[in-house]
Amino acid sequence: MREISAEDLRKRLEAGEDLTVLDVREPHEVAEAAIEGSVSIPLGQVLERAGELDSSQPVAVICAGGVRSARAVEALEAAGYAGELLNVEGGMKAWLAQ
């Protein structure tokens, strides 16, 4: 599984790179803090809603600490998702700590 640090994700977003941030936390978690422009799909809905993702762009998957996002990446890869998937190391905790 490919990973990206929260710092590298921030740099890529600030540079205007075409990159989708997929937030797999629950809605109440997203309401507390979210990355601007991210796509919110709770982990339990990721496979049924995978069609909402643009497989032509890298997708950085984030959760609170990196565990649920890793599960989402594994599930999408196992289901045959064709795009590039990156697990955000440390999740929103790492993002907010910067």
PDB file of N, CA and C in Angstrom:
ATOM      1  N   MET A   1       0.848  -1.180   0.000  1.00  0.00           N
ATOM      2  CA  MET A   1       0.000   0.000   0.000  1.00  0.00           C
ATOM      3  C   MET A   1       0.893   1.242   0.000  1.00  0.00           C
ATOM      4  N   ARG A   2       0.599   2.141  -0.923  1.00  0.00           N
ATOM      5  CA  ARG A   2       1.345   3.396  -0.985  1.00  0.00           C
ATOM      6  C   ARG A   2       0.800   4.352   0.066  1.00  0.00           C
ATOM      7  N   GLU A   3       1.704   5.099   0.665  1.00  0.00           N
ATOM      8  CA  GLU A   3       1.298   6.062   1.694  1.00  0.00           C
ATOM      9  C   GLU A   3       1.849   7.439   1.363  1.00  0.00           C
ATOM     10  N   ILE A   4       1.222   8.440   1.956  1.00  0.00           N
ATOM     11  CA  ILE A   4       1.651   9.820   1.814  1.00  0.00           C
ATOM     12  C   ILE A   4       1.566  10.458   3.194  1.00  0.00           C
ATOM     13  N   SER A   5       2.523  11.295   3.519  1.00  0.00           N
ATOM     14  CA  SER A   5       2.464  11.989   4.808  1.00  0.00           C
ATOM     15  C   SER A   5       1.483  13.149   4.697  1.00  0.00           C
ATOM     16  N   ALA A   6       0.968  13.575   5.828  1.00  0.00           N
ATOM     17  CA  ALA A   6       0.050  14.719   5.842  1.00  0.00           C
ATOM     18  C   ALA A   6       0.762  15.956   5.297  1.00  0.00           C
ATOM     19  N   GLU A   7       2.035  16.087   5.602  1.00  0.00           N
ATOM     20  CA  GLU A   7       2.813  17.231   5.120  1.00  0.00           C
ATOM     21  C   GLU A   7       2.923  17.219   3.597  1.00  0.00           C
ATOM     22  N   ASP A   8       3.223  16.048   3.014  1.00  0.00           N
ATOM     23  CA  ASP A   8       3.315  15.955   1.555  1.00  0.00           C
ATOM     24  C   ASP A   8       1.963  16.176   0.891  1.00  0.00           C
ATOM     25  N   LEU A   9       0.907  15.691   1.523  1.00  0.00           N
ATOM     26  CA  LEU A   9      -0.439  15.926   0.993  1.00  0.00           C
ATOM     27  C   LEU A   9      -0.735  17.419   0.965  1.00  0.00           C
ATOM     28  N   ARG A  10      -0.430  18.106   2.045  1.00  0.00           N
ATOM     29  CA  ARG A  10      -0.673  19.556   2.114  1.00  0.00           C
ATOM     30  C   ARG A  10       0.102  20.277   1.003  1.00  0.00           C
ATOM     31  N   LYS A  11       1.357  19.899   0.803  1.00  0.00           N
ATOM     32  CA  LYS A  11       2.181  20.535  -0.243  1.00  0.00           C
ATOM     33  C   LYS A  11       1.580  20.304  -1.627  1.00  0.00           C
ATOM     34  N   ARG A  12       1.131  19.089  -1.877  1.00  0.00           N
ATOM     35  CA  ARG A  12       0.555  18.782  -3.183  1.00  0.00           C
ATOM     36  C   ARG A  12      -0.744  19.544  -3.415  1.00  0.00           C
ATOM     37  N   LEU A  13      -1.568  19.665  -2.386  1.00  0.00           N
ATOM     38  CA  LEU A  13      -2.819  20.420  -2.509  1.00  0.00           C
ATOM     39  C   LEU A  13      -2.536  21.909  -2.698  1.00  0.00           C
ATOM     40  N   GLU A  14      -1.584  22.439  -1.943  1.00  0.00           N
ATOM     41  CA  GLU A  14      -1.239  23.862  -2.074  1.00  0.00           C
ATOM     42  C   GLU A  14      -0.658  24.173  -3.447  1.00  0.00           C
ATOM     43  N   ALA A  15       0.008  23.197  -4.049  1.00  0.00           N
ATOM     44  CA  ALA A  15       0.574  23.369  -5.391  1.00  0.00           C
ATOM     45  C   ALA A  15      -0.499  23.271  -6.478  1.00  0.00           C
ATOM     46  N   GLY A  16      -1.720  22.948  -6.072  1.00  0.00           N
ATOM     47  CA  GLY A  16      -2.827  22.875  -7.023  1.00  0.00           C
ATOM     48  C   GLY A  16      -2.870  21.588  -7.822  1.00  0.00           C
ATOM     49  N   GLU A  17      -2.203  20.557  -7.331  1.00  0.00           N
ATOM     50  CA  GLU A  17      -2.195  19.277  -8.032  1.00  0.00           C
ATOM     51  C   GLU A  17      -3.605  18.683  -8.092  1.00  0.00           C
ATOM     52  N   ASP A  18      -3.924  18.062  -9.230  1.00  0.00           N
ATOM     53  CA  ASP A  18      -5.205  17.359  -9.353  1.00  0.00           C
ATOM     54  C   ASP A  18      -5.136  16.109  -8.497  1.00  0.00           C
ATOM     55  N   LEU A  19      -5.776  16.167  -7.369  1.00  0.00           N
ATOM     56  CA  LEU A  19      -5.714  15.103  -6.380  1.00  0.00           C
ATOM     57  C   LEU A  19      -7.029  15.129  -5.608  1.00  0.00           C
ATOM     58  N   THR A  20      -7.627  13.975  -5.433  1.00  0.00           N
ATOM     59  CA  THR A  20      -8.857  13.869  -4.658  1.00  0.00           C
ATOM     60  C   THR A  20      -8.501  13.428  -3.249  1.00  0.00           C
ATOM     61  N   VAL A  21      -9.089  14.091  -2.249  1.00  0.00           N
ATOM     62  CA  VAL A  21      -8.948  13.648  -0.869  1.00  0.00           C
ATOM     63  C   VAL A  21     -10.261  12.974  -0.494  1.00  0.00           C
ATOM     64  N   LEU A  22     -10.174  11.690  -0.163  1.00  0.00           N
ATOM     65  CA  LEU A  22     -11.338  10.913   0.241  1.00  0.00           C
ATOM     66  C   LEU A  22     -11.307  10.743   1.750  1.00  0.00           C
ATOM     67  N   ASP A  23     -12.277  11.326   2.429  1.00  0.00           N
ATOM     68  CA  ASP A  23     -12.374  11.257   3.892  1.00  0.00           C
ATOM     69  C   ASP A  23     -13.364  10.149   4.236  1.00  0.00           C
ATOM     70  N   VAL A  24     -12.876   9.085   4.891  1.00  0.00           N
ATOM     71  CA  VAL A  24     -13.734   7.931   5.190  1.00  0.00           C
ATOM     72  C   VAL A  24     -14.232   7.934   6.636  1.00  0.00           C
ATOM     73  N   ARG A  25     -14.104   9.065   7.316  1.00  0.00           N
ATOM     74  CA  ARG A  25     -14.630   9.164   8.682  1.00  0.00           C
ATOM     75  C   ARG A  25     -16.154   9.305   8.650  1.00  0.00           C
ATOM     76  N   GLU A  26     -16.753   9.161   9.805  1.00  0.00           N
ATOM     77  CA  GLU A  26     -18.202   9.310   9.930  1.00  0.00           C
ATOM     78  C   GLU A  26     -18.580  10.796   9.849  1.00  0.00           C
ATOM     79  N   PRO A  27     -19.836  11.097   9.439  1.00  0.00           N
ATOM     80  CA  PRO A  27     -20.247  12.489   9.263  1.00  0.00           C
ATOM     81  C   PRO A  27     -20.005  13.389  10.482  1.00  0.00           C
ATOM     82  N   HIS A  28     -20.215  12.872  11.686  1.00  0.00           N
ATOM     83  CA  HIS A  28     -20.004  13.721  12.860  1.00  0.00           C
ATOM     84  C   HIS A  28     -18.530  14.071  13.041  1.00  0.00           C
ATOM     85  N   GLU A  29     -17.630  13.197  12.598  1.00  0.00           N
ATOM     86  CA  GLU A  29     -16.193  13.487  12.664  1.00  0.00           C
ATOM     87  C   GLU A  29     -15.815  14.540  11.623  1.00  0.00           C
ATOM     88  N   VAL A  30     -16.370  14.400  10.421  1.00  0.00           N
ATOM     89  CA  VAL A  30     -16.099  15.347   9.342  1.00  0.00           C
ATOM     90  C   VAL A  30     -16.602  16.736   9.731  1.00  0.00           C
ATOM     91  N   ALA A  31     -17.725  16.795  10.453  1.00  0.00           N
ATOM     92  CA  ALA A  31     -18.287  18.081  10.873  1.00  0.00           C
ATOM     93  C   ALA A  31     -17.345  18.833  11.813  1.00  0.00           C
ATOM     94  N   GLU A  32     -16.517  18.107  12.548  1.00  0.00           N
ATOM     95  CA  GLU A  32     -15.588  18.736  13.484  1.00  0.00           C
ATOM     96  C   GLU A  32     -14.396  19.359  12.767  1.00  0.00           C
ATOM     97  N   ALA A  33     -13.878  18.710  11.755  1.00  0.00           N
ATOM     98  CA  ALA A  33     -12.731  19.202  10.988  1.00  0.00           C
ATOM     99  C   ALA A  33     -12.627  18.413   9.701  1.00  0.00           C
ATOM    100  N   ALA A  34     -12.396  19.123   8.600  1.00  0.00           N
ATOM    101  CA  ALA A  34     -12.267  18.460   7.305  1.00  0.00           C
ATOM    102  C   ALA A  34     -11.311  19.252   6.421  1.00  0.00           C
ATOM    103  N   ILE A  35     -10.732  18.580   5.465  1.00  0.00           N
ATOM    104  CA  ILE A  35      -9.875  19.228   4.483  1.00  0.00           C
ATOM    105  C   ILE A  35     -10.781  19.829   3.417  1.00  0.00           C
ATOM    106  N   GLU A  36     -10.574  21.102   3.134  1.00  0.00           N
ATOM    107  CA  GLU A  36     -11.409  21.795   2.163  1.00  0.00           C
ATOM    108  C   GLU A  36     -11.392  21.078   0.819  1.00  0.00           C
ATOM    109  N   GLY A  37     -12.578  20.846   0.270  1.00  0.00           N
ATOM    110  CA  GLY A  37     -12.700  20.205  -1.028  1.00  0.00           C
ATOM    111  C   GLY A  37     -12.677  18.688  -0.996  1.00  0.00           C
ATOM    112  N   SER A  38     -12.543  18.105   0.200  1.00  0.00           N
ATOM    113  CA  SER A  38     -12.486  16.640   0.279  1.00  0.00           C
ATOM    114  C   SER A  38     -13.847  16.025  -0.009  1.00  0.00           C
ATOM    115  N   VAL A  39     -13.823  14.758  -0.420  1.00  0.00           N
ATOM    116  CA  VAL A  39     -15.028  13.974  -0.672  1.00  0.00           C
ATOM    117  C   VAL A  39     -15.257  13.113   0.567  1.00  0.00           C
ATOM    118  N   SER A  40     -16.434  13.202   1.147  1.00  0.00           N
ATOM    119  CA  SER A  40     -16.737  12.443   2.357  1.00  0.00           C
ATOM    120  C   SER A  40     -17.597  11.228   2.025  1.00  0.00           C
ATOM    121  N   ILE A  41     -17.002  10.054   2.219  1.00  0.00           N
ATOM    122  CA  ILE A  41     -17.725   8.792   2.055  1.00  0.00           C
ATOM    123  C   ILE A  41     -17.328   7.915   3.242  1.00  0.00           C
ATOM    124  N   PRO A  42     -18.238   7.674   4.182  1.00  0.00           N
ATOM    125  CA  PRO A  42     -17.885   6.828   5.332  1.00  0.00           C
ATOM    126  C   PRO A  42     -17.376   5.456   4.882  1.00  0.00           C
ATOM    127  N   LEU A  43     -16.465   4.895   5.662  1.00  0.00           N
ATOM    128  CA  LEU A  43     -15.838   3.620   5.323  1.00  0.00           C
ATOM    129  C   LEU A  43     -16.854   2.561   4.899  1.00  0.00           C
ATOM    130  N   GLY A  44     -17.961   2.446   5.607  1.00  0.00           N
ATOM    131  CA  GLY A  44     -18.957   1.421   5.311  1.00  0.00           C
ATOM    132  C   GLY A  44     -19.638   1.581   3.959  1.00  0.00           C
ATOM    133  N   GLN A  45     -19.473   2.745   3.315  1.00  0.00           N
ATOM    134  CA  GLN A  45     -20.110   3.006   2.023  1.00  0.00           C
ATOM    135  C   GLN A  45     -19.114   3.100   0.873  1.00  0.00           C
ATOM    136  N   VAL A  46     -17.825   2.944   1.166  1.00  0.00           N
ATOM    137  CA  VAL A  46     -16.782   3.177   0.162  1.00  0.00           C
ATOM    138  C   VAL A  46     -16.954   2.316  -1.085  1.00  0.00           C
ATOM    139  N   LEU A  47     -17.192   1.038  -0.926  1.00  0.00           N
ATOM    140  CA  LEU A  47     -17.289   0.172  -2.104  1.00  0.00           C
ATOM    141  C   LEU A  47     -18.511   0.494  -2.950  1.00  0.00           C
ATOM    142  N   GLU A  48     -19.657   0.705  -2.318  1.00  0.00           N
ATOM    143  CA  GLU A  48     -20.873   0.979  -3.102  1.00  0.00           C
ATOM    144  C   GLU A  48     -20.837   2.359  -3.754  1.00  0.00           C
ATOM    145  N   ARG A  49     -19.997   3.275  -3.237  1.00  0.00           N
ATOM    146  CA  ARG A  49     -19.933   4.626  -3.789  1.00  0.00           C
ATOM    147  C   ARG A  49     -18.616   4.906  -4.517  1.00  0.00           C
ATOM    148  N   ALA A  50     -17.844   3.866  -4.812  1.00  0.00           N
ATOM    149  CA  ALA A  50     -16.547   4.036  -5.475  1.00  0.00           C
ATOM    150  C   ALA A  50     -16.677   4.739  -6.822  1.00  0.00           C
ATOM    151  N   GLY A  51     -17.813   4.613  -7.450  1.00  0.00           N
ATOM    152  CA  GLY A  51     -18.046   5.269  -8.732  1.00  0.00           C
ATOM    153  C   GLY A  51     -18.034   6.783  -8.648  1.00  0.00           C
ATOM    154  N   GLU A  52     -18.119   7.334  -7.446  1.00  0.00           N
ATOM    155  CA  GLU A  52     -18.064   8.784  -7.259  1.00  0.00           C
ATOM    156  C   GLU A  52     -16.635   9.311  -7.346  1.00  0.00           C
ATOM    157  N   LEU A  53     -15.659   8.406  -7.351  1.00  0.00           N
ATOM    158  CA  LEU A  53     -14.255   8.801  -7.405  1.00  0.00           C
ATOM    159  C   LEU A  53     -13.766   8.841  -8.844  1.00  0.00           C
ATOM    160  N   ASP A  54     -12.894   9.794  -9.135  1.00  0.00           N
ATOM    161  CA  ASP A  54     -12.310   9.929 -10.470  1.00  0.00           C
ATOM    162  C   ASP A  54     -11.012   9.132 -10.510  1.00  0.00           C
ATOM    163  N   SER A  55     -11.045   7.988 -11.164  1.00  0.00           N
ATOM    164  CA  SER A  55      -9.878   7.105 -11.182  1.00  0.00           C
ATOM    165  C   SER A  55      -8.734   7.660 -12.025  1.00  0.00           C
ATOM    166  N   SER A  56      -8.955   8.779 -12.722  1.00  0.00           N
ATOM    167  CA  SER A  56      -7.873   9.375 -13.506  1.00  0.00           C
ATOM    168  C   SER A  56      -6.960  10.248 -12.639  1.00  0.00           C
ATOM    169  N   GLN A  57      -7.369  10.514 -11.406  1.00  0.00           N
ATOM    170  CA  GLN A  57      -6.560  11.308 -10.477  1.00  0.00           C
ATOM    171  C   GLN A  57      -6.161  10.459  -9.284  1.00  0.00           C
ATOM    172  N   PRO A  58      -5.004  10.775  -8.677  1.00  0.00           N
ATOM    173  CA  PRO A  58      -4.661  10.096  -7.431  1.00  0.00           C
ATOM    174  C   PRO A  58      -5.711  10.405  -6.363  1.00  0.00           C
ATOM    175  N   VAL A  59      -5.983   9.430  -5.500  1.00  0.00           N
ATOM    176  CA  VAL A  59      -6.926   9.611  -4.400  1.00  0.00           C
ATOM    177  C   VAL A  59      -6.172   9.377  -3.094  1.00  0.00           C
ATOM    178  N   ALA A  60      -6.104  10.426  -2.257  1.00  0.00           N
ATOM    179  CA  ALA A  60      -5.495  10.319  -0.938  1.00  0.00           C
ATOM    180  C   ALA A  60      -6.613  10.019   0.048  1.00  0.00           C
ATOM    181  N   VAL A  61      -6.543   8.883   0.701  1.00  0.00           N
ATOM    182  CA  VAL A  61      -7.607   8.440   1.602  1.00  0.00           C
ATOM    183  C   VAL A  61      -7.202   8.759   3.032  1.00  0.00           C
ATOM    184  N   ILE A  62      -8.107   9.441   3.749  1.00  0.00           N
ATOM    185  CA  ILE A  62      -7.804   9.895   5.103  1.00  0.00           C
ATOM    186  C   ILE A  62      -8.915   9.514   6.071  1.00  0.00           C
ATOM    187  N   CYS A  63      -8.533   9.275   7.317  1.00  0.00           N
ATOM    188  CA  CYS A  63      -9.493   9.040   8.403  1.00  0.00           C
ATOM    189  C   CYS A  63      -8.935   9.773   9.620  1.00  0.00           C
ATOM    190  N   ALA A  64      -9.261   9.335  10.808  1.00  0.00           N
ATOM    191  CA  ALA A  64      -8.775  10.018  12.003  1.00  0.00           C
ATOM    192  C   ALA A  64      -7.296   9.744  12.253  1.00  0.00           C
ATOM    193  N   GLY A  65      -6.892   8.465  12.139  1.00  0.00           N
ATOM    194  CA  GLY A  65      -5.516   8.130  12.483  1.00  0.00           C
ATOM    195  C   GLY A  65      -4.778   7.260  11.486  1.00  0.00           C
ATOM    196  N   GLY A  66      -5.444   6.822  10.428  1.00  0.00           N
ATOM    197  CA  GLY A  66      -4.780   6.031   9.395  1.00  0.00           C
ATOM    198  C   GLY A  66      -5.224   4.582   9.302  1.00  0.00           C
ATOM    199  N   VAL A  67      -6.036   4.109  10.254  1.00  0.00           N
ATOM    200  CA  VAL A  67      -6.455   2.705  10.246  1.00  0.00           C
ATOM    201  C   VAL A  67      -7.621   2.485   9.285  1.00  0.00           C
ATOM    202  N   ARG A  68      -8.684   3.270   9.417  1.00  0.00           N
ATOM    203  CA  ARG A  68      -9.841   3.105   8.528  1.00  0.00           C
ATOM    204  C   ARG A  68      -9.481   3.423   7.079  1.00  0.00           C
ATOM    205  N   SER A  69      -8.624   4.409   6.885  1.00  0.00           N
ATOM    206  CA  SER A  69      -8.228   4.749   5.517  1.00  0.00           C
ATOM    207  C   SER A  69      -7.455   3.593   4.887  1.00  0.00           C
ATOM    208  N   ALA A  70      -6.621   2.920   5.661  1.00  0.00           N
ATOM    209  CA  ALA A  70      -5.898   1.747   5.147  1.00  0.00           C
ATOM    210  C   ALA A  70      -6.887   0.647   4.765  1.00  0.00           C
ATOM    211  N   ARG A  71      -7.920   0.456   5.575  1.00  0.00           N
ATOM    212  CA  ARG A  71      -8.950  -0.536   5.248  1.00  0.00           C
ATOM    213  C   ARG A  71      -9.670  -0.163   3.954  1.00  0.00           C
ATOM    214  N   ALA A  72      -9.946   1.126   3.789  1.00  0.00           N
ATOM    215  CA  ALA A  72     -10.631   1.584   2.577  1.00  0.00           C
ATOM    216  C   ALA A  72      -9.767   1.335   1.347  1.00  0.00           C
ATOM    217  N   VAL A  73      -8.464   1.645   1.447  1.00  0.00           N
ATOM    218  CA  VAL A  73      -7.548   1.404   0.329  1.00  0.00           C
ATOM    219  C   VAL A  73      -7.521  -0.087  -0.012  1.00  0.00           C
ATOM    220  N   GLU A  74      -7.390  -0.933   1.004  1.00  0.00           N
ATOM    221  CA  GLU A  74      -7.359  -2.373   0.772  1.00  0.00           C
ATOM    222  C   GLU A  74      -8.643  -2.859   0.113  1.00  0.00           C
ATOM    223  N   ALA A  75      -9.789  -2.380   0.584  1.00  0.00           N
ATOM    224  CA  ALA A  75     -11.077  -2.804   0.032  1.00  0.00           C
ATOM    225  C   ALA A  75     -11.226  -2.357  -1.416  1.00  0.00           C
ATOM    226  N   LEU A  76     -10.842  -1.113  -1.710  1.00  0.00           N
ATOM    227  CA  LEU A  76     -10.954  -0.605  -3.071  1.00  0.00           C
ATOM    228  C   LEU A  76     -10.017  -1.362  -4.010  1.00  0.00           C
ATOM    229  N   GLU A  77      -8.795  -1.623  -3.559  1.00  0.00           N
ATOM    230  CA  GLU A  77      -7.855  -2.385  -4.391  1.00  0.00           C
ATOM    231  C   GLU A  77      -8.373  -3.793  -4.639  1.00  0.00           C
ATOM    232  N   ALA A  78      -8.906  -4.439  -3.610  1.00  0.00           N
ATOM    233  CA  ALA A  78      -9.434  -5.798  -3.753  1.00  0.00           C
ATOM    234  C   ALA A  78     -10.628  -5.837  -4.704  1.00  0.00           C
ATOM    235  N   ALA A  79     -11.385  -4.736  -4.754  1.00  0.00           N
ATOM    236  CA  ALA A  79     -12.551  -4.666  -5.631  1.00  0.00           C
ATOM    237  C   ALA A  79     -12.164  -4.278  -7.057  1.00  0.00           C
ATOM    238  N   GLY A  80     -10.875  -4.030  -7.288  1.00  0.00           N
ATOM    239  CA  GLY A  80     -10.420  -3.739  -8.634  1.00  0.00           C
ATOM    240  C   GLY A  80     -10.399  -2.271  -9.012  1.00  0.00           C
ATOM    241  N   TYR A  81     -10.436  -1.371  -8.032  1.00  0.00           N
ATOM    242  CA  TYR A  81     -10.380   0.062  -8.340  1.00  0.00           C
ATOM    243  C   TYR A  81      -9.109   0.342  -9.138  1.00  0.00           C
ATOM    244  N   ALA A  82      -9.244   1.031 -10.267  1.00  0.00           N
ATOM    245  CA  ALA A  82      -8.135   1.182 -11.204  1.00  0.00           C
ATOM    246  C   ALA A  82      -7.221   2.371 -10.919  1.00  0.00           C
ATOM    247  N   GLY A  83      -7.673   3.329 -10.126  1.00  0.00           N
ATOM    248  CA  GLY A  83      -6.880   4.534  -9.907  1.00  0.00           C
ATOM    249  C   GLY A  83      -5.818   4.370  -8.842  1.00  0.00           C
ATOM    250  N   GLU A  84      -4.979   5.409  -8.718  1.00  0.00           N
ATOM    251  CA  GLU A  84      -3.919   5.431  -7.714  1.00  0.00           C
ATOM    252  C   GLU A  84      -4.515   5.776  -6.355  1.00  0.00           C
ATOM    253  N   LEU A  85      -4.220   4.957  -5.355  1.00  0.00           N
ATOM    254  CA  LEU A  85      -4.712   5.175  -3.999  1.00  0.00           C
ATOM    255  C   LEU A  85      -3.536   5.383  -3.060  1.00  0.00           C
ATOM    256  N   LEU A  86      -3.654   6.404  -2.205  1.00  0.00           N
ATOM    257  CA  LEU A  86      -2.617   6.730  -1.233  1.00  0.00           C
ATOM    258  C   LEU A  86      -3.240   6.800   0.152  1.00  0.00           C
ATOM    259  N   ASN A  87      -2.677   6.094   1.102  1.00  0.00           N
ATOM    260  CA  ASN A  87      -3.154   6.168   2.481  1.00  0.00           C
ATOM    261  C   ASN A  87      -2.426   7.314   3.181  1.00  0.00           C
ATOM    262  N   VAL A  88      -3.167   8.210   3.826  1.00  0.00           N
ATOM    263  CA  VAL A  88      -2.554   9.339   4.523  1.00  0.00           C
ATOM    264  C   VAL A  88      -2.091   8.874   5.899  1.00  0.00           C
ATOM    265  N   GLU A  89      -0.767   8.862   6.091  1.00  0.00           N
ATOM    266  CA  GLU A  89      -0.172   8.423   7.352  1.00  0.00           C
ATOM    267  C   GLU A  89      -0.605   9.337   8.498  1.00  0.00           C
ATOM    268  N   GLY A  90      -1.129   8.740   9.556  1.00  0.00           N
ATOM    269  CA  GLY A  90      -1.507   9.513  10.736  1.00  0.00           C
ATOM    270  C   GLY A  90      -2.836  10.233  10.631  1.00  0.00           C
ATOM    271  N   GLY A  91      -3.457  10.202   9.459  1.00  0.00           N
ATOM    272  CA  GLY A  91      -4.788  10.761   9.264  1.00  0.00           C
ATOM    273  C   GLY A  91      -4.948  12.222   9.648  1.00  0.00           C
ATOM    274  N   MET A  92      -6.165  12.566  10.056  1.00  0.00           N
ATOM    275  CA  MET A  92      -6.486  13.945  10.421  1.00  0.00           C
ATOM    276  C   MET A  92      -5.693  14.399  11.642  1.00  0.00           C
ATOM    277  N   LYS A  93      -5.328  13.470  12.508  1.00  0.00           N
ATOM    278  CA  LYS A  93      -4.502  13.846  13.663  1.00  0.00           C
ATOM    279  C   LYS A  93      -3.198  14.458  13.182  1.00  0.00           C
ATOM    280  N   ALA A  94      -2.566  13.829  12.193  1.00  0.00           N
ATOM    281  CA  ALA A  94      -1.318  14.354  11.645  1.00  0.00           C
ATOM    282  C   ALA A  94      -1.566  15.644  10.873  1.00  0.00           C
ATOM    283  N   TRP A  95      -2.673  15.709  10.115  1.00  0.00           N
ATOM    284  CA  TRP A  95      -3.011  16.900   9.337  1.00  0.00           C
ATOM    285  C   TRP A  95      -3.188  18.108  10.263  1.00  0.00           C
ATOM    286  N   LEU A  96      -3.934  17.924  11.347  1.00  0.00           N
ATOM    287  CA  LEU A  96      -4.219  19.023  12.260  1.00  0.00           C
ATOM    288  C   LEU A  96      -3.020  19.404  13.122  1.00  0.00           C
ATOM    289  N   ALA A  97      -2.080  18.470  13.287  1.00  0.00           N
ATOM    290  CA  ALA A  97      -0.907  18.732  14.118  1.00  0.00           C
ATOM    291  C   ALA A  97       0.106  19.646  13.423  1.00  0.00           C
ATOM    292  N   GLN A  98      -0.046  19.818  12.123  1.00  0.00           N
ATOM    293  CA  GLN A  98       0.902  20.660  11.382  1.00  0.00           C
ATOM    294  C   GLN A  98       0.658  22.125  11.634  1.00  0.00           C
TER     295      GLN A  98
END
